[in-house]
């Protein structure tokens, strides 16, 4: 198979890297308005980040582990349950019981959370065509 990609080493001025936050981002995720059920999520720590998270190539099991580890609290009505007071099995049972719509709401937290971003100009060494590329997220900077 012929690899038609062209690669070029570039230098990135990290002092110009900006943190971008989506306007609709929130760590409070309402899962069921009728039951007043939801979660408060925390950002993944470097301790739980692995190659799959950096590259954006998460396997299903890793996705679920990321969610379990990111739950700070679960609330329903006036009751609040802290994740630190729950067992891993209880958190797994809670997440495994969520509907696909509720899982999409949680995944939105991860897809809209703050990320590193910088626009750079890159010149193709073969064609000499200059293009603007936006580096986004950990994978573009450290992958």
N, C-alpha and C. Protein backbone atom coordinates (compact mmCIF):
# COMPACT_ATOMS: atom_id res chain seq x y z
N UNK A 1 0.85 -1.19 0.00
CA UNK A 1 0.00 0.00 0.00
C UNK A 1 0.89 1.24 0.00
N UNK A 2 0.55 2.20 -0.82
CA UNK A 2 1.33 3.42 -0.97
C UNK A 2 0.87 4.46 0.05
N UNK A 3 1.80 4.95 0.86
CA UNK A 3 1.48 5.98 1.86
C UNK A 3 1.59 7.34 1.20
N UNK A 4 0.46 8.02 0.99
CA UNK A 4 0.44 9.30 0.27
C UNK A 4 0.57 10.50 1.20
N UNK A 5 0.88 10.25 2.46
CA UNK A 5 1.01 11.35 3.41
C UNK A 5 2.41 11.94 3.34
N UNK A 6 2.49 13.23 3.59
CA UNK A 6 3.78 13.91 3.66
C UNK A 6 3.96 14.39 5.10
N UNK A 7 5.14 14.17 5.64
CA UNK A 7 5.42 14.54 7.01
C UNK A 7 6.50 15.61 7.04
N UNK A 8 6.39 16.50 8.02
CA UNK A 8 7.36 17.57 8.17
C UNK A 8 7.50 17.87 9.66
N UNK A 9 8.72 18.02 10.12
CA UNK A 9 8.95 18.42 11.50
C UNK A 9 8.71 19.92 11.62
N UNK A 10 8.01 20.32 12.67
CA UNK A 10 7.76 21.74 12.90
C UNK A 10 8.05 22.06 14.36
N UNK A 11 8.29 23.32 14.61
CA UNK A 11 8.45 23.79 15.98
C UNK A 11 7.21 24.58 16.36
N UNK A 12 6.73 24.35 17.58
CA UNK A 12 5.54 25.03 18.07
C UNK A 12 5.94 25.91 19.24
N UNK A 13 5.58 27.18 19.16
CA UNK A 13 5.84 28.12 20.24
C UNK A 13 4.77 27.91 21.31
N UNK A 14 5.12 27.20 22.36
CA UNK A 14 4.12 26.86 23.38
C UNK A 14 3.61 28.07 24.16
N UNK A 15 4.29 29.20 24.04
CA UNK A 15 3.79 30.40 24.72
C UNK A 15 2.55 30.96 24.02
N UNK A 16 2.29 30.48 22.78
CA UNK A 16 1.13 30.95 22.04
C UNK A 16 -0.04 29.98 22.08
N UNK A 17 0.13 28.86 22.76
CA UNK A 17 -0.94 27.88 22.87
C UNK A 17 -2.01 28.45 23.79
N UNK A 18 -3.27 28.34 23.37
CA UNK A 18 -4.38 28.87 24.17
C UNK A 18 -5.27 27.73 24.66
N UNK A 19 -5.96 27.98 25.75
CA UNK A 19 -6.94 27.04 26.27
C UNK A 19 -8.30 27.48 25.74
N UNK A 20 -8.98 26.56 25.07
CA UNK A 20 -10.29 26.86 24.48
C UNK A 20 -11.36 26.13 25.27
N UNK A 21 -12.43 26.84 25.62
CA UNK A 21 -13.55 26.25 26.36
C UNK A 21 -14.84 26.53 25.58
N UNK A 22 -15.59 25.46 25.29
CA UNK A 22 -16.89 25.64 24.62
C UNK A 22 -17.84 26.39 25.55
N UNK A 23 -18.68 27.24 24.97
CA UNK A 23 -19.63 28.03 25.75
C UNK A 23 -20.63 27.18 26.51
N UNK A 24 -21.01 26.03 25.94
CA UNK A 24 -22.04 25.19 26.57
C UNK A 24 -21.46 24.11 27.48
N UNK A 25 -20.17 24.23 27.81
CA UNK A 25 -19.54 23.21 28.66
C UNK A 25 -19.94 23.39 30.13
N UNK A 26 -20.25 22.28 30.78
CA UNK A 26 -20.57 22.28 32.20
C UNK A 26 -20.18 20.93 32.79
N UNK A 27 -19.72 20.94 34.03
CA UNK A 27 -19.39 19.67 34.68
C UNK A 27 -20.61 19.07 35.38
N UNK A 28 -21.72 19.76 35.36
CA UNK A 28 -22.97 19.24 35.91
C UNK A 28 -23.81 18.73 34.74
N UNK A 29 -24.11 17.44 34.77
CA UNK A 29 -24.83 16.81 33.65
C UNK A 29 -26.17 16.29 34.15
N UNK A 30 -27.26 16.90 33.69
CA UNK A 30 -28.60 16.44 34.04
C UNK A 30 -28.95 15.25 33.17
N UNK A 31 -29.25 14.12 33.80
CA UNK A 31 -29.51 12.88 33.07
C UNK A 31 -31.00 12.59 32.90
N UNK A 32 -31.80 12.96 33.89
CA UNK A 32 -33.24 12.69 33.84
C UNK A 32 -33.95 13.81 34.59
N UNK A 33 -34.61 14.69 33.84
CA UNK A 33 -35.27 15.84 34.46
C UNK A 33 -36.41 15.44 35.37
N UNK A 34 -37.15 14.39 35.00
CA UNK A 34 -38.29 13.94 35.81
C UNK A 34 -37.82 13.48 37.19
N UNK A 35 -36.78 12.68 37.22
CA UNK A 35 -36.24 12.17 38.50
C UNK A 35 -35.27 13.15 39.15
N UNK A 36 -34.94 14.24 38.43
CA UNK A 36 -33.92 15.18 38.90
C UNK A 36 -32.61 14.44 39.19
N UNK A 37 -32.25 13.56 38.25
CA UNK A 37 -31.05 12.72 38.36
C UNK A 37 -29.95 13.30 37.51
N UNK A 38 -28.75 13.33 38.07
CA UNK A 38 -27.61 13.83 37.31
C UNK A 38 -26.30 13.50 37.99
N UNK A 39 -25.23 13.94 37.36
CA UNK A 39 -23.89 13.72 37.91
C UNK A 39 -23.11 15.03 37.83
N UNK A 40 -22.16 15.15 38.73
CA UNK A 40 -21.16 16.20 38.66
C UNK A 40 -19.86 15.48 38.35
N UNK A 41 -19.20 15.91 37.27
CA UNK A 41 -18.00 15.25 36.82
C UNK A 41 -16.77 16.09 37.12
N UNK A 42 -15.64 15.42 37.28
CA UNK A 42 -14.37 16.11 37.45
C UNK A 42 -13.51 15.79 36.23
N UNK A 43 -12.55 16.66 35.97
CA UNK A 43 -11.68 16.47 34.82
C UNK A 43 -10.71 15.32 35.08
N UNK A 44 -10.42 14.54 34.04
CA UNK A 44 -9.50 13.42 34.22
C UNK A 44 -8.13 13.92 34.68
N UNK A 45 -7.56 13.21 35.62
CA UNK A 45 -6.23 13.57 36.11
C UNK A 45 -5.18 12.90 35.23
N UNK A 46 -3.96 13.38 35.31
CA UNK A 46 -2.89 12.76 34.54
C UNK A 46 -2.68 11.31 34.97
N UNK A 47 -3.07 10.99 36.19
CA UNK A 47 -2.92 9.63 36.70
C UNK A 47 -3.76 8.63 35.90
N UNK A 48 -4.92 9.05 35.38
CA UNK A 48 -5.78 8.10 34.67
C UNK A 48 -5.74 8.29 33.15
N UNK A 49 -4.97 9.27 32.68
CA UNK A 49 -4.85 9.46 31.24
C UNK A 49 -3.86 8.45 30.69
N UNK A 50 -4.25 7.80 29.59
CA UNK A 50 -3.36 6.85 28.95
C UNK A 50 -3.23 7.18 27.47
N UNK A 51 -2.52 6.35 26.72
CA UNK A 51 -2.30 6.60 25.29
C UNK A 51 -3.61 6.70 24.52
N UNK A 52 -4.60 5.90 24.88
CA UNK A 52 -5.88 5.92 24.17
C UNK A 52 -6.58 7.25 24.31
N UNK A 53 -6.51 7.84 25.49
CA UNK A 53 -7.13 9.13 25.71
C UNK A 53 -6.39 10.20 24.92
N UNK A 54 -5.07 10.15 24.94
CA UNK A 54 -4.28 11.16 24.22
C UNK A 54 -4.53 11.08 22.72
N UNK A 55 -4.58 9.88 22.18
CA UNK A 55 -4.75 9.73 20.74
C UNK A 55 -6.20 9.83 20.30
N UNK A 56 -7.14 9.78 21.25
CA UNK A 56 -8.55 9.80 20.90
C UNK A 56 -9.05 8.44 20.46
N UNK A 57 -8.26 7.40 20.70
CA UNK A 57 -8.58 6.04 20.26
C UNK A 57 -8.93 5.19 21.49
N UNK A 58 -9.99 5.57 22.18
CA UNK A 58 -10.40 4.85 23.38
C UNK A 58 -11.19 3.60 23.04
N UNK A 59 -10.89 2.52 23.72
CA UNK A 59 -11.68 1.31 23.59
C UNK A 59 -12.87 1.44 24.54
N UNK A 60 -13.91 0.63 24.34
CA UNK A 60 -15.12 0.73 25.13
C UNK A 60 -14.83 0.61 26.63
N UNK A 61 -14.04 -0.38 27.02
CA UNK A 61 -13.72 -0.57 28.44
C UNK A 61 -13.03 0.67 29.02
N UNK A 62 -12.09 1.25 28.25
CA UNK A 62 -11.38 2.45 28.72
C UNK A 62 -12.33 3.64 28.83
N UNK A 63 -13.30 3.73 27.92
CA UNK A 63 -14.28 4.82 27.98
C UNK A 63 -15.08 4.75 29.27
N UNK A 64 -15.53 3.53 29.60
CA UNK A 64 -16.31 3.36 30.82
C UNK A 64 -15.45 3.65 32.06
N UNK A 65 -14.21 3.21 32.06
CA UNK A 65 -13.32 3.48 33.20
C UNK A 65 -13.09 4.98 33.36
N UNK A 66 -12.96 5.68 32.25
CA UNK A 66 -12.79 7.12 32.30
C UNK A 66 -14.01 7.78 32.95
N UNK A 67 -15.20 7.30 32.59
CA UNK A 67 -16.42 7.85 33.19
C UNK A 67 -16.50 7.53 34.67
N UNK A 68 -16.25 6.25 35.07
CA UNK A 68 -16.30 5.90 36.50
C UNK A 68 -15.36 6.80 37.30
N UNK A 69 -14.14 6.98 36.77
CA UNK A 69 -13.13 7.75 37.49
C UNK A 69 -13.39 9.24 37.49
N UNK A 70 -14.28 9.71 36.62
CA UNK A 70 -14.56 11.14 36.53
C UNK A 70 -15.80 11.57 37.30
N UNK A 71 -16.54 10.62 37.82
CA UNK A 71 -17.74 10.98 38.60
C UNK A 71 -17.31 11.50 39.97
N UNK A 72 -17.74 12.70 40.26
CA UNK A 72 -17.48 13.29 41.57
C UNK A 72 -18.66 13.05 42.51
N UNK A 73 -19.86 13.23 41.96
CA UNK A 73 -21.06 12.97 42.74
C UNK A 73 -22.24 12.64 41.82
N UNK A 74 -23.18 11.93 42.40
CA UNK A 74 -24.43 11.60 41.72
C UNK A 74 -25.53 12.23 42.57
N UNK A 75 -26.48 12.86 41.91
CA UNK A 75 -27.58 13.45 42.68
C UNK A 75 -28.91 12.99 42.11
N UNK A 76 -29.87 12.89 43.00
CA UNK A 76 -31.25 12.59 42.61
C UNK A 76 -32.15 13.33 43.58
N UNK A 77 -32.86 14.32 43.04
CA UNK A 77 -33.69 15.17 43.90
C UNK A 77 -32.80 15.91 44.87
N UNK A 78 -33.12 15.79 46.18
CA UNK A 78 -32.35 16.46 47.22
C UNK A 78 -31.19 15.62 47.74
N UNK A 79 -31.07 14.38 47.27
CA UNK A 79 -30.01 13.48 47.74
C UNK A 79 -28.77 13.59 46.87
N UNK A 80 -27.62 13.60 47.53
CA UNK A 80 -26.33 13.64 46.84
C UNK A 80 -25.48 12.49 47.35
N UNK A 81 -24.88 11.77 46.40
CA UNK A 81 -24.02 10.63 46.73
C UNK A 81 -22.63 10.93 46.19
N UNK A 82 -21.65 11.00 47.08
CA UNK A 82 -20.28 11.27 46.68
C UNK A 82 -19.65 10.00 46.13
N UNK A 83 -18.97 10.11 45.02
CA UNK A 83 -18.33 8.94 44.41
C UNK A 83 -17.28 8.34 45.33
N UNK A 84 -16.60 9.18 46.10
CA UNK A 84 -15.56 8.67 46.99
C UNK A 84 -16.13 7.78 48.09
N UNK A 85 -17.44 7.90 48.35
CA UNK A 85 -18.10 7.06 49.35
C UNK A 85 -18.73 5.81 48.73
N UNK A 86 -18.56 5.63 47.43
CA UNK A 86 -19.13 4.49 46.71
C UNK A 86 -18.03 3.53 46.30
N UNK A 87 -18.40 2.29 46.12
CA UNK A 87 -17.43 1.31 45.62
C UNK A 87 -17.35 1.42 44.10
N UNK A 88 -16.28 0.89 43.54
CA UNK A 88 -16.13 0.87 42.09
C UNK A 88 -17.28 0.10 41.46
N UNK A 89 -17.69 -0.98 42.11
CA UNK A 89 -18.79 -1.80 41.59
C UNK A 89 -20.09 -1.00 41.54
N UNK A 90 -20.35 -0.18 42.56
CA UNK A 90 -21.56 0.64 42.58
C UNK A 90 -21.54 1.68 41.45
N UNK A 91 -20.38 2.27 41.23
CA UNK A 91 -20.26 3.25 40.14
C UNK A 91 -20.42 2.56 38.79
N UNK A 92 -19.83 1.37 38.65
CA UNK A 92 -19.98 0.61 37.40
C UNK A 92 -21.45 0.27 37.16
N UNK A 93 -22.13 -0.16 38.20
CA UNK A 93 -23.55 -0.51 38.07
C UNK A 93 -24.37 0.71 37.65
N UNK A 94 -24.07 1.86 38.24
CA UNK A 94 -24.78 3.08 37.88
C UNK A 94 -24.56 3.42 36.41
N UNK A 95 -23.30 3.44 35.98
CA UNK A 95 -22.98 3.80 34.59
C UNK A 95 -23.54 2.78 33.62
N UNK A 96 -23.43 1.50 33.95
CA UNK A 96 -23.96 0.45 33.07
C UNK A 96 -25.48 0.52 32.93
N UNK A 97 -26.16 1.15 33.88
CA UNK A 97 -27.61 1.28 33.84
C UNK A 97 -28.11 2.50 33.08
N UNK A 98 -27.18 3.33 32.59
CA UNK A 98 -27.58 4.53 31.87
C UNK A 98 -28.05 4.20 30.46
N UNK A 99 -28.98 4.99 29.97
CA UNK A 99 -29.46 4.81 28.59
C UNK A 99 -28.43 5.40 27.63
N UNK A 100 -28.57 5.10 26.34
CA UNK A 100 -27.63 5.64 25.35
C UNK A 100 -27.73 7.17 25.30
N UNK A 101 -28.92 7.73 25.49
CA UNK A 101 -29.08 9.18 25.51
C UNK A 101 -28.35 9.79 26.70
N UNK A 102 -28.45 9.15 27.86
CA UNK A 102 -27.76 9.65 29.05
C UNK A 102 -26.24 9.55 28.88
N UNK A 103 -25.78 8.47 28.23
CA UNK A 103 -24.34 8.33 27.97
C UNK A 103 -23.86 9.43 27.03
N UNK A 104 -24.66 9.79 26.04
CA UNK A 104 -24.29 10.88 25.12
C UNK A 104 -24.14 12.20 25.88
N UNK A 105 -25.01 12.41 26.87
CA UNK A 105 -24.91 13.64 27.68
C UNK A 105 -23.60 13.66 28.46
N UNK A 106 -23.19 12.52 28.99
CA UNK A 106 -21.91 12.45 29.72
C UNK A 106 -20.75 12.62 28.74
N UNK A 107 -20.82 11.99 27.58
CA UNK A 107 -19.76 12.11 26.59
C UNK A 107 -19.60 13.55 26.12
N UNK A 108 -20.69 14.32 26.12
CA UNK A 108 -20.62 15.73 25.75
C UNK A 108 -19.70 16.50 26.69
N UNK A 109 -19.68 16.12 27.97
CA UNK A 109 -18.77 16.75 28.93
C UNK A 109 -17.33 16.61 28.44
N UNK A 110 -16.96 15.40 28.02
CA UNK A 110 -15.59 15.15 27.58
C UNK A 110 -15.27 15.83 26.25
N UNK A 111 -16.24 15.87 25.35
CA UNK A 111 -15.97 16.47 24.04
C UNK A 111 -15.95 17.99 24.08
N UNK A 112 -16.53 18.60 25.11
CA UNK A 112 -16.54 20.07 25.20
C UNK A 112 -15.62 20.61 26.29
N UNK A 113 -14.91 19.71 27.01
CA UNK A 113 -14.08 20.21 28.10
C UNK A 113 -12.90 21.02 27.55
N UNK A 114 -12.32 21.88 28.38
CA UNK A 114 -11.23 22.75 27.91
C UNK A 114 -10.13 21.94 27.22
N UNK A 115 -9.59 22.54 26.14
CA UNK A 115 -8.54 21.86 25.39
C UNK A 115 -7.51 22.88 24.92
N UNK A 116 -6.31 22.39 24.66
CA UNK A 116 -5.25 23.21 24.11
C UNK A 116 -5.51 23.41 22.62
N UNK A 117 -5.22 24.62 22.14
CA UNK A 117 -5.45 24.88 20.72
C UNK A 117 -4.48 25.94 20.22
N UNK A 118 -3.94 25.72 19.03
CA UNK A 118 -3.07 26.72 18.41
C UNK A 118 -3.10 26.55 16.90
N UNK A 119 -3.21 27.66 16.18
CA UNK A 119 -3.15 27.65 14.72
C UNK A 119 -1.70 27.86 14.31
N UNK A 120 -1.26 27.03 13.35
CA UNK A 120 0.11 27.15 12.85
C UNK A 120 0.08 27.11 11.33
N UNK A 121 1.11 27.62 10.72
CA UNK A 121 1.27 27.54 9.27
C UNK A 121 2.29 26.44 8.99
N UNK A 122 1.95 25.60 8.01
CA UNK A 122 2.81 24.48 7.64
C UNK A 122 3.03 24.52 6.14
N UNK A 123 4.28 24.34 5.73
CA UNK A 123 4.61 24.34 4.31
C UNK A 123 4.96 22.92 3.89
N UNK A 124 4.25 22.41 2.90
CA UNK A 124 4.52 21.08 2.37
C UNK A 124 5.88 21.11 1.68
N UNK A 125 6.83 20.26 2.12
CA UNK A 125 8.18 20.31 1.55
C UNK A 125 8.24 19.83 0.10
N UNK A 126 7.23 19.11 -0.35
CA UNK A 126 7.23 18.60 -1.72
C UNK A 126 6.57 19.59 -2.68
N UNK A 127 5.40 20.12 -2.29
CA UNK A 127 4.65 21.01 -3.19
C UNK A 127 4.91 22.48 -2.91
N UNK A 128 5.52 22.79 -1.78
CA UNK A 128 5.75 24.17 -1.32
C UNK A 128 4.45 24.94 -1.08
N UNK A 129 3.33 24.22 -0.91
CA UNK A 129 2.05 24.84 -0.60
C UNK A 129 1.98 25.06 0.91
N UNK A 130 1.61 26.30 1.30
CA UNK A 130 1.49 26.63 2.72
C UNK A 130 0.03 26.52 3.14
N UNK A 131 -0.20 25.86 4.27
CA UNK A 131 -1.56 25.67 4.79
C UNK A 131 -1.59 26.05 6.26
N UNK A 132 -2.79 26.42 6.71
CA UNK A 132 -2.98 26.69 8.14
C UNK A 132 -3.61 25.45 8.76
N UNK A 133 -3.03 25.02 9.86
CA UNK A 133 -3.49 23.83 10.57
C UNK A 133 -3.78 24.24 12.01
N UNK A 134 -4.86 23.70 12.57
CA UNK A 134 -5.17 23.95 13.98
C UNK A 134 -4.82 22.72 14.79
N UNK A 135 -3.90 22.87 15.72
CA UNK A 135 -3.56 21.79 16.65
C UNK A 135 -4.57 21.85 17.79
N UNK A 136 -5.18 20.70 18.12
CA UNK A 136 -6.20 20.65 19.16
C UNK A 136 -5.96 19.46 20.05
N UNK A 137 -6.10 19.66 21.33
CA UNK A 137 -6.08 18.55 22.28
C UNK A 137 -4.71 17.94 22.51
N UNK A 138 -4.66 17.03 23.45
CA UNK A 138 -3.41 16.40 23.84
C UNK A 138 -2.76 15.62 22.72
N UNK A 139 -3.57 14.95 21.87
CA UNK A 139 -3.00 14.11 20.82
C UNK A 139 -2.17 14.93 19.84
N UNK A 140 -2.62 16.11 19.48
CA UNK A 140 -1.87 16.93 18.52
C UNK A 140 -0.58 17.49 19.13
N UNK A 141 -0.57 17.72 20.42
CA UNK A 141 0.61 18.29 21.05
C UNK A 141 1.58 17.23 21.57
N UNK A 142 1.05 16.09 22.04
CA UNK A 142 1.91 15.10 22.68
C UNK A 142 1.82 13.72 22.05
N UNK A 143 0.92 13.53 21.07
CA UNK A 143 0.70 12.20 20.48
C UNK A 143 1.79 11.79 19.54
